[in-house]
Amino acid sequence: MKEDELHAFLTLQRIPNLGDTSIKRLIARFETAPQVLDQKKESLLKLDGIGAFKLKAFFEKEHRLAAEEELKFIQEHNIDYCSYKDQNYPERLKHCIDGPILLFKRGSKDFSQQRIISIVGTRKVTNHGVDFIKQFVEDLAPLNPLVVSGFAYGVDITAHRAALDQGLDTIAVLAHGLNQIYPKVHAKYVKAIEAQGAFITDFWSSDAFDRTNFLRRNRIIAGMSEATVVIESAEKGGSLVTADIANSYNRDVFAVPGRPGDAQSLGCNNLIKTQKAQLITSAADLIYLLNWQIEEELKPVQKQLFVELNAEEKVICNFLSDVGKEQLDLIALHCKMPTFKVASILLNMELKGVVRPLPGKQFELT
């Protein structure tokens, strides 16, 4: 993108009341951002959905001056950027009507991966929630997904750390400009995420930090992902907003259930109860429901003649040898293990070429 075009995008982004949707409509009509700014008021008013209210501040020079200052910041700090018209803009976000017209990025990661999931949830994550996230991301690691979250306390930072620990790329979507980091205590993760992922935002360096920014940020988290996973949420919270946005984009939403009455499970349980999210208890559930085929990622796995199995894998192997094939829940019941643990064990056995999944969450020996 040339400098004059970036300046025009920044100017349009700065105009109050206009918004990403209206700007996209204007660019669609007049072809480029600089050409939009060259139009007279009469021409702009002819476009449906662009009224006098939205154009009230359109011709004020202060927005062009503010754009010049932000352009200097981008150039001086070597900030990467892309518009919704560029090839390096997140593909799924292009299909969101209110997706940002501009994204700013710091880090090494692009957005070309096909398997992208968002992991969100409460800032007051429990020990059980932390353990679940770590196991969940570890079990997904063989499929090499890109993990997206919001860099906040609790579930967000746990998801980022789990991705880093497993060697996965991770994207932190910020609710402020790239001139700062919030919360400051998470600054110790910045270098690792920049090296193994990226920070992205549509906020400027001059934007005031406000609580409402988090809600605006959530559309990026939901929009760039194939699916959003909610892991622990109170009855109200930002993660539920992200789930609603993902649903509005016709994206898959999953929630991890908890015990009735637990404060940090109310949100997830309500999502499932109102059919706004599908219930999952393990990474295997997500893989099955998204129809992610491990073989496509790892290439055909030949069964080894002498496979080393641990004690739990041997129990499951012996059971399947007796029954032929069985559903996940019944395998867990007969082998006297928690379902989430059996799902993880079966995934490892599948990677070893010992078992294969069947429709209906069934498994059999290869």
Protein backbone atom coordinates (compact mmCIF):
# COMPACT_ATOMS: atom_id res chain seq x y z
CA MET A 1 0.00 0.00 0.00
CA LYS A 2 1.40 3.39 -0.97
CA GLU A 3 1.80 6.13 1.60
CA ASP A 4 -0.97 8.33 0.19
CA GLU A 5 -3.42 5.43 0.27
CA LEU A 6 -2.49 4.55 3.86
CA HIS A 7 -2.98 8.19 4.83
CA ALA A 8 -6.41 8.16 3.20
CA PHE A 9 -7.39 4.96 5.03
CA LEU A 10 -6.25 6.48 8.31
CA THR A 11 -8.20 9.66 7.63
CA LEU A 12 -11.38 7.72 6.90
CA GLN A 13 -10.82 5.56 9.98
CA ARG A 14 -10.59 8.70 12.11
CA ILE A 15 -13.82 10.36 10.98
CA PRO A 16 -16.47 10.09 13.74
CA ASN A 17 -19.77 8.31 13.01
CA LEU A 18 -18.56 6.81 9.74
CA GLY A 19 -17.51 3.32 10.82
CA ASP A 20 -15.93 0.40 8.99
CA THR A 21 -19.11 -0.72 7.23
CA SER A 22 -19.84 2.71 5.76
CA ILE A 23 -16.22 3.23 4.71
CA LYS A 24 -16.25 -0.08 2.84
CA ARG A 25 -19.44 1.01 1.09
CA LEU A 26 -17.84 4.29 0.05
CA ILE A 27 -14.69 2.61 -1.25
CA ALA A 28 -16.78 0.08 -3.17
CA ARG A 29 -18.53 2.99 -4.91
CA PHE A 30 -15.53 5.27 -5.55
CA GLU A 31 -12.85 2.52 -5.92
CA THR A 32 -10.07 3.82 -3.63
CA ALA A 33 -9.75 5.55 -0.27
CA PRO A 34 -8.06 8.66 -1.76
CA GLN A 35 -10.89 8.98 -4.29
CA VAL A 36 -13.47 8.86 -1.51
CA LEU A 37 -11.78 11.81 0.19
CA ASP A 38 -11.78 13.74 -3.10
CA GLN A 39 -15.58 13.56 -3.44
CA LYS A 40 -17.94 16.43 -2.86
CA LYS A 41 -20.71 16.16 -0.30
CA GLU A 42 -23.40 15.89 -2.97
CA SER A 43 -21.79 12.81 -4.49
CA LEU A 44 -21.39 11.12 -1.11
CA LEU A 45 -25.02 11.74 -0.13
CA LYS A 46 -26.24 9.90 -3.23
CA LEU A 47 -25.00 6.65 -1.76
CA ASP A 48 -27.57 4.66 0.24
CA GLY A 49 -26.78 4.49 3.93
CA ILE A 50 -24.56 7.58 3.90
CA GLY A 51 -26.56 10.43 5.38
CA ALA A 52 -25.78 13.93 6.62
CA PHE A 53 -25.11 12.66 10.16
CA LYS A 54 -22.29 10.37 9.01
CA LEU A 55 -20.80 13.15 6.90
CA LYS A 56 -21.02 15.80 9.61
CA ALA A 57 -17.28 15.71 10.34
CA PHE A 58 -16.16 14.33 6.98
CA PHE A 59 -14.48 17.47 5.67
CA GLU A 60 -12.82 18.63 8.90
CA LYS A 61 -9.06 19.04 8.38
CA GLU A 62 -8.17 17.81 11.86
CA HIS A 63 -8.75 14.21 10.78
CA ARG A 64 -6.19 14.47 8.00
CA LEU A 65 -3.71 16.02 10.44
CA ALA A 66 -4.33 13.24 12.97
CA ALA A 67 -3.76 10.70 10.20
CA GLU A 68 -0.41 12.32 9.41
CA GLU A 69 0.68 11.92 13.04
CA GLU A 70 -0.35 8.27 13.16
CA LEU A 71 1.41 7.65 9.85
CA LYS A 72 4.62 9.00 11.41
CA PHE A 73 4.20 6.62 14.35
CA ILE A 74 3.72 3.66 11.98
CA GLN A 75 6.82 4.56 10.00
CA GLU A 76 9.06 5.40 12.97
CA HIS A 77 8.19 2.18 14.83
CA ASN A 78 8.20 -0.08 11.77
CA ILE A 79 4.59 -1.19 12.31
CA ASP A 80 3.17 -3.65 9.79
CA TYR A 81 -0.30 -2.88 8.46
CA CYS A 82 -2.86 -4.10 5.96
CA SER A 83 -6.24 -3.03 4.71
CA TYR A 84 -9.24 -5.28 4.17
CA LYS A 85 -8.45 -5.17 0.43
CA ASP A 86 -4.95 -6.62 0.84
CA GLN A 87 -4.03 -10.27 0.39
CA ASN A 88 -2.30 -10.45 3.77
CA TYR A 89 -5.45 -9.41 5.65
CA PRO A 90 -7.03 -12.32 7.61
CA GLU A 91 -9.15 -14.19 5.07
CA ARG A 92 -12.13 -14.97 7.30
CA LEU A 93 -12.23 -11.41 8.64
CA LYS A 94 -12.69 -10.15 5.07
CA HIS A 95 -16.15 -11.73 5.11
CA CYS A 96 -17.26 -9.82 8.23
CA ILE A 97 -19.19 -6.71 7.29
CA ASP A 98 -17.89 -4.77 10.29
CA GLY A 99 -14.31 -6.04 10.09
CA PRO A 100 -11.70 -3.29 10.50
CA ILE A 101 -10.67 -1.44 7.34
CA LEU A 102 -7.11 -1.37 8.72
CA LEU A 103 -5.15 -3.71 10.97
CA PHE A 104 -1.82 -2.91 12.60
CA LYS A 105 0.60 -5.72 13.44
CA ARG A 106 3.81 -6.29 15.32
CA GLY A 107 5.36 -9.74 15.10
CA SER A 108 6.49 -12.45 12.73
CA LYS A 109 3.26 -14.28 12.00
CA ASP A 110 1.02 -13.89 8.97
CA PHE A 111 -2.59 -15.06 8.80
CA SER A 112 -2.34 -17.73 6.12
CA GLN A 113 -3.07 -20.75 8.31
CA GLN A 114 -6.40 -22.43 7.67
CA ARG A 115 -6.88 -23.89 11.14
CA ILE A 116 -7.44 -20.88 13.37
CA ILE A 117 -9.29 -21.07 16.69
CA SER A 118 -10.03 -18.46 19.33
CA ILE A 119 -9.88 -19.42 22.99
CA VAL A 120 -11.64 -17.01 25.34
CA GLY A 121 -13.08 -16.98 28.82
CA THR A 122 -13.06 -15.45 32.26
CA ARG A 123 -10.26 -13.38 33.71
CA LYS A 124 -10.75 -15.30 36.98
CA VAL A 125 -9.86 -18.71 35.61
CA THR A 126 -9.83 -21.63 38.07
CA ASN A 127 -7.04 -24.17 38.47
CA HIS A 128 -9.26 -26.69 36.70
CA GLY A 129 -9.67 -24.24 33.81
CA VAL A 130 -5.92 -23.73 33.53
CA ASP A 131 -5.31 -27.48 33.48
CA PHE A 132 -8.00 -27.96 30.84
CA ILE A 133 -6.53 -25.28 28.57
CA LYS A 134 -3.03 -26.72 28.78
CA GLN A 135 -4.25 -30.23 27.96
CA PHE A 136 -6.61 -28.95 25.26
CA VAL A 137 -3.86 -27.03 23.42
CA GLU A 138 -1.38 -29.87 23.86
CA ASP A 139 -3.81 -32.32 22.27
CA LEU A 140 -4.44 -29.93 19.36
CA ALA A 141 -0.73 -29.33 18.77
CA PRO A 142 -0.26 -32.14 16.19
CA LEU A 143 -2.72 -30.32 13.91
CA ASN A 144 -0.75 -27.06 14.18
CA PRO A 145 -3.61 -24.59 14.69
CA LEU A 146 -3.14 -20.86 15.12
CA VAL A 147 -4.39 -19.89 18.59
CA VAL A 148 -6.05 -16.46 18.93
CA SER A 149 -6.97 -14.71 22.16
CA GLY A 150 -7.10 -11.28 23.77
CA PHE A 151 -3.96 -11.16 25.97
CA ALA A 152 -6.08 -10.46 29.06
CA TYR A 153 -5.81 -12.06 32.49
CA GLY A 154 -7.06 -15.58 33.05
CA VAL A 155 -8.11 -17.73 30.12
CA ASP A 156 -6.55 -15.46 27.47
CA ILE A 157 -2.98 -15.43 28.72
CA THR A 158 -3.19 -19.10 29.68
CA ALA A 159 -4.13 -19.94 26.08
CA HIS A 160 -1.25 -17.86 24.70
CA ARG A 161 1.23 -19.48 27.08
CA ALA A 162 -0.05 -22.97 26.29
CA ALA A 163 0.39 -22.29 22.57
CA LEU A 164 3.94 -21.03 23.11
CA ASP A 165 4.77 -24.07 25.22
CA GLN A 166 3.59 -26.37 22.41
CA GLY A 167 5.47 -24.48 19.70
CA LEU A 168 2.24 -23.16 18.15
CA ASP A 169 1.74 -19.74 16.60
CA THR A 170 -0.47 -17.42 18.64
CA ILE A 171 -2.09 -14.06 17.90
CA ALA A 172 -2.85 -11.56 20.67
CA VAL A 173 -5.60 -9.11 19.70
CA LEU A 174 -5.21 -5.89 21.67
CA ALA A 175 -7.78 -3.37 22.83
CA HIS A 176 -5.34 -0.47 22.44
CA GLY A 177 -2.61 0.79 20.15
CA LEU A 178 0.77 -0.86 19.65
CA ASN A 179 2.48 1.86 21.69
CA GLN A 180 1.56 0.13 24.95
CA ILE A 181 0.89 -3.24 26.58
CA TYR A 182 -2.01 -4.02 28.90
CA PRO A 183 -1.93 -5.55 31.39
CA LYS A 184 1.64 -4.47 32.11
CA VAL A 185 2.36 -7.66 34.05
CA HIS A 186 2.10 -9.54 30.75
CA ALA A 187 4.94 -7.56 29.20
CA LYS A 188 7.25 -10.51 29.91
CA TYR A 189 5.45 -12.49 27.17
CA VAL A 190 5.80 -9.83 24.46
CA LYS A 191 9.07 -11.02 22.90
CA ALA A 192 7.94 -14.66 22.80
CA ILE A 193 4.64 -13.79 21.12
CA GLU A 194 6.32 -11.47 18.61
CA ALA A 195 8.76 -14.26 17.74
CA GLN A 196 6.15 -17.02 17.62
CA GLY A 197 3.09 -15.05 16.54
CA ALA A 198 1.98 -11.43 16.54
CA PHE A 199 0.08 -8.64 18.23
CA ILE A 200 -2.67 -7.05 16.15
CA THR A 201 -5.13 -4.21 16.69
CA ASP A 202 -7.19 -1.65 14.83
CA PHE A 203 -6.60 1.00 17.51
CA TRP A 204 -4.22 3.92 17.03
CA SER A 205 -1.33 4.88 19.27
CA SER A 206 -3.25 8.04 20.18
CA ASP A 207 -6.50 6.29 21.08
CA ALA A 208 -7.61 6.58 24.69
CA PHE A 209 -7.65 3.33 26.63
CA ASP A 210 -11.26 2.56 27.53
CA ARG A 211 -13.20 -0.47 28.75
CA THR A 212 -15.44 -0.32 25.68
CA ASN A 213 -12.37 -1.03 23.55
CA PHE A 214 -12.52 -4.67 24.63
CA LEU A 215 -15.95 -5.14 23.05
CA ARG A 216 -14.74 -3.61 19.77
CA ARG A 217 -11.65 -5.85 19.88
CA ASN A 218 -13.80 -8.98 20.24
CA ARG A 219 -15.10 -8.80 16.67
CA ILE A 220 -11.55 -9.38 15.45
CA ILE A 221 -11.07 -12.38 17.75
CA ALA A 222 -14.33 -13.92 16.55
CA GLY A 223 -14.02 -12.86 12.93
CA MET A 224 -10.57 -14.17 12.04
CA SER A 225 -11.21 -17.63 13.51
CA GLU A 226 -12.83 -20.79 12.24
CA ALA A 227 -14.26 -21.44 15.68
CA THR A 228 -14.46 -19.78 19.09
CA VAL A 229 -14.01 -21.88 22.23
CA VAL A 230 -15.30 -20.52 25.56
CA ILE A 231 -13.54 -22.06 28.56
CA GLU A 232 -15.08 -20.88 31.84
CA SER A 233 -17.23 -17.78 31.92
CA ALA A 234 -19.38 -16.07 34.50
CA GLU A 235 -23.00 -15.31 33.74
CA LYS A 236 -21.92 -12.06 32.07
CA GLY A 237 -18.62 -11.22 30.43
CA GLY A 238 -16.70 -10.28 27.34
CA SER A 239 -16.23 -13.88 26.25
CA LEU A 240 -20.00 -14.24 25.90
CA VAL A 241 -20.01 -11.16 23.67
CA THR A 242 -17.31 -12.79 21.55
CA ALA A 243 -19.46 -15.93 21.30
CA ASP A 244 -22.47 -13.86 20.19
CA ILE A 245 -20.39 -12.10 17.55
CA ALA A 246 -19.02 -15.43 16.30
CA ASN A 247 -22.58 -16.73 15.99
CA SER A 248 -23.57 -13.62 14.03
CA TYR A 249 -20.72 -14.44 11.62
CA ASN A 250 -22.04 -18.02 11.28
CA ARG A 251 -18.90 -19.42 12.89
CA ASP A 252 -18.74 -22.46 15.12
CA VAL A 253 -18.90 -21.77 18.84
CA PHE A 254 -17.96 -24.34 21.48
CA ALA A 255 -18.24 -24.20 25.26
CA VAL A 256 -16.82 -26.37 28.00
CA PRO A 257 -19.53 -27.25 30.55
CA GLY A 258 -19.12 -27.02 34.31
CA ARG A 259 -20.99 -27.97 37.44
CA PRO A 260 -24.37 -26.24 37.88
CA GLY A 261 -24.04 -23.38 40.31
CA ASP A 262 -20.32 -22.80 39.81
CA ALA A 263 -19.88 -19.08 39.19
CA GLN A 264 -17.29 -19.56 36.44
CA SER A 265 -19.42 -22.13 34.63
CA LEU A 266 -22.70 -20.22 34.38
CA GLY A 267 -21.82 -18.53 31.09
CA CYS A 268 -20.68 -21.71 29.36
CA ASN A 269 -23.65 -23.70 30.64
CA ASN A 270 -26.06 -21.01 29.42
CA LEU A 271 -24.44 -20.96 25.97
CA ILE A 272 -24.97 -24.71 25.70
CA LYS A 273 -28.48 -24.60 27.18
CA THR A 274 -29.63 -21.91 24.73
CA GLN A 275 -27.93 -23.73 21.82
CA LYS A 276 -25.56 -20.86 21.18
CA ALA A 277 -22.60 -23.21 21.55
CA GLN A 278 -21.85 -26.89 21.09
CA LEU A 279 -20.69 -28.82 24.12
CA ILE A 280 -17.13 -30.10 24.11
CA THR A 281 -15.13 -31.81 26.83
CA SER A 282 -11.86 -32.39 25.00
CA ALA A 283 -9.75 -31.54 21.97
CA ALA A 284 -11.01 -34.74 20.36
CA ASP A 285 -14.54 -33.30 20.39
CA LEU A 286 -13.36 -30.16 18.60
CA ILE A 287 -11.41 -32.16 16.03
CA TYR A 288 -14.43 -34.34 15.33
CA LEU A 289 -16.98 -31.50 15.14
CA LEU A 290 -14.76 -29.36 12.87
CA ASN A 291 -13.95 -32.40 10.76
CA TRP A 292 -10.24 -31.79 11.06
CA GLN A 293 -8.51 -34.80 9.56
CA ILE A 294 -5.21 -35.55 11.21
CA GLU A 295 -4.07 -37.58 8.22
CA GLU A 296 -4.20 -34.50 6.00
CA GLU A 297 -1.79 -32.65 8.28
CA LEU A 298 0.61 -35.46 9.08
CA LYS A 299 0.35 -37.49 5.87
CA PRO A 300 -0.67 -41.17 6.00
CA VAL A 301 0.47 -42.86 9.18
CA GLN A 302 1.55 -46.44 8.79
CA LYS A 303 0.82 -48.71 11.69
CA GLN A 304 4.00 -49.70 13.45
CA LEU A 305 4.62 -53.39 14.04
CA PHE A 306 5.79 -52.81 17.59
CA VAL A 307 4.11 -49.79 19.14
CA GLU A 308 4.97 -48.80 22.68
CA LEU A 309 1.82 -48.26 24.72
CA ASN A 310 1.57 -46.98 28.26
CA ALA A 311 -0.63 -48.68 30.85
CA GLU A 312 -3.77 -46.64 30.10
CA GLU A 313 -3.39 -47.09 26.34
CA LYS A 314 -3.08 -50.85 26.84
CA VAL A 315 -6.35 -50.91 28.83
CA ILE A 316 -8.19 -49.13 26.01
CA CYS A 317 -6.47 -51.26 23.37
CA ASN A 318 -7.51 -54.49 25.12
CA PHE A 319 -11.08 -53.25 25.48
CA LEU A 320 -11.38 -52.33 21.78
CA SER A 321 -9.82 -55.66 20.86
CA ASP A 322 -12.69 -57.38 22.68
CA VAL A 323 -15.60 -55.24 21.44
CA GLY A 324 -14.40 -54.24 17.95
CA LYS A 325 -15.61 -50.62 18.03
CA GLU A 326 -17.24 -48.41 20.64
CA GLN A 327 -18.32 -44.86 21.41
CA LEU A 328 -16.04 -42.51 23.34
CA ASP A 329 -18.29 -42.25 26.41
CA LEU A 330 -18.71 -46.02 26.68
CA ILE A 331 -14.98 -46.58 26.30
CA ALA A 332 -14.47 -44.22 29.23
CA LEU A 333 -17.18 -45.97 31.25
CA HIS A 334 -15.84 -49.49 30.72
CA CYS A 335 -12.22 -48.49 31.17
CA LYS A 336 -13.09 -46.50 34.31
CA MET A 337 -11.46 -43.26 33.18
CA PRO A 338 -12.79 -39.68 32.75
CA THR A 339 -14.11 -38.98 29.26
CA PHE A 340 -11.78 -36.02 28.69
CA LYS A 341 -8.78 -38.17 29.57
CA VAL A 342 -9.87 -41.02 27.29
CA ALA A 343 -10.34 -38.52 24.44
CA SER A 344 -6.75 -37.36 24.90
CA ILE A 345 -5.43 -40.93 25.09
CA LEU A 346 -7.33 -41.92 21.94
CA LEU A 347 -5.86 -38.95 20.08
CA ASN A 348 -2.36 -40.08 21.01
CA MET A 349 -3.19 -43.66 19.98
CA GLU A 350 -4.50 -42.35 16.67
CA LEU A 351 -1.24 -40.53 16.06
CA LYS A 352 0.59 -43.80 16.74
CA GLY A 353 -1.58 -45.52 14.16
CA VAL A 354 -3.19 -47.83 16.73
CA VAL A 355 -6.81 -46.62 16.51
CA ARG A 356 -8.92 -44.72 14.01
CA PRO A 357 -12.01 -42.54 14.58
CA LEU A 358 -15.38 -43.44 13.11
CA PRO A 359 -18.60 -41.41 12.66
CA GLY A 360 -20.64 -40.98 15.82
CA LYS A 361 -17.56 -40.53 18.05
CA GLN A 362 -16.72 -44.22 17.76
CA PHE A 363 -13.25 -45.70 17.67
CA GLU A 364 -11.75 -49.01 16.59
CA LEU A 365 -8.31 -50.58 16.33
CA THR A 366 -6.55 -50.21 12.99
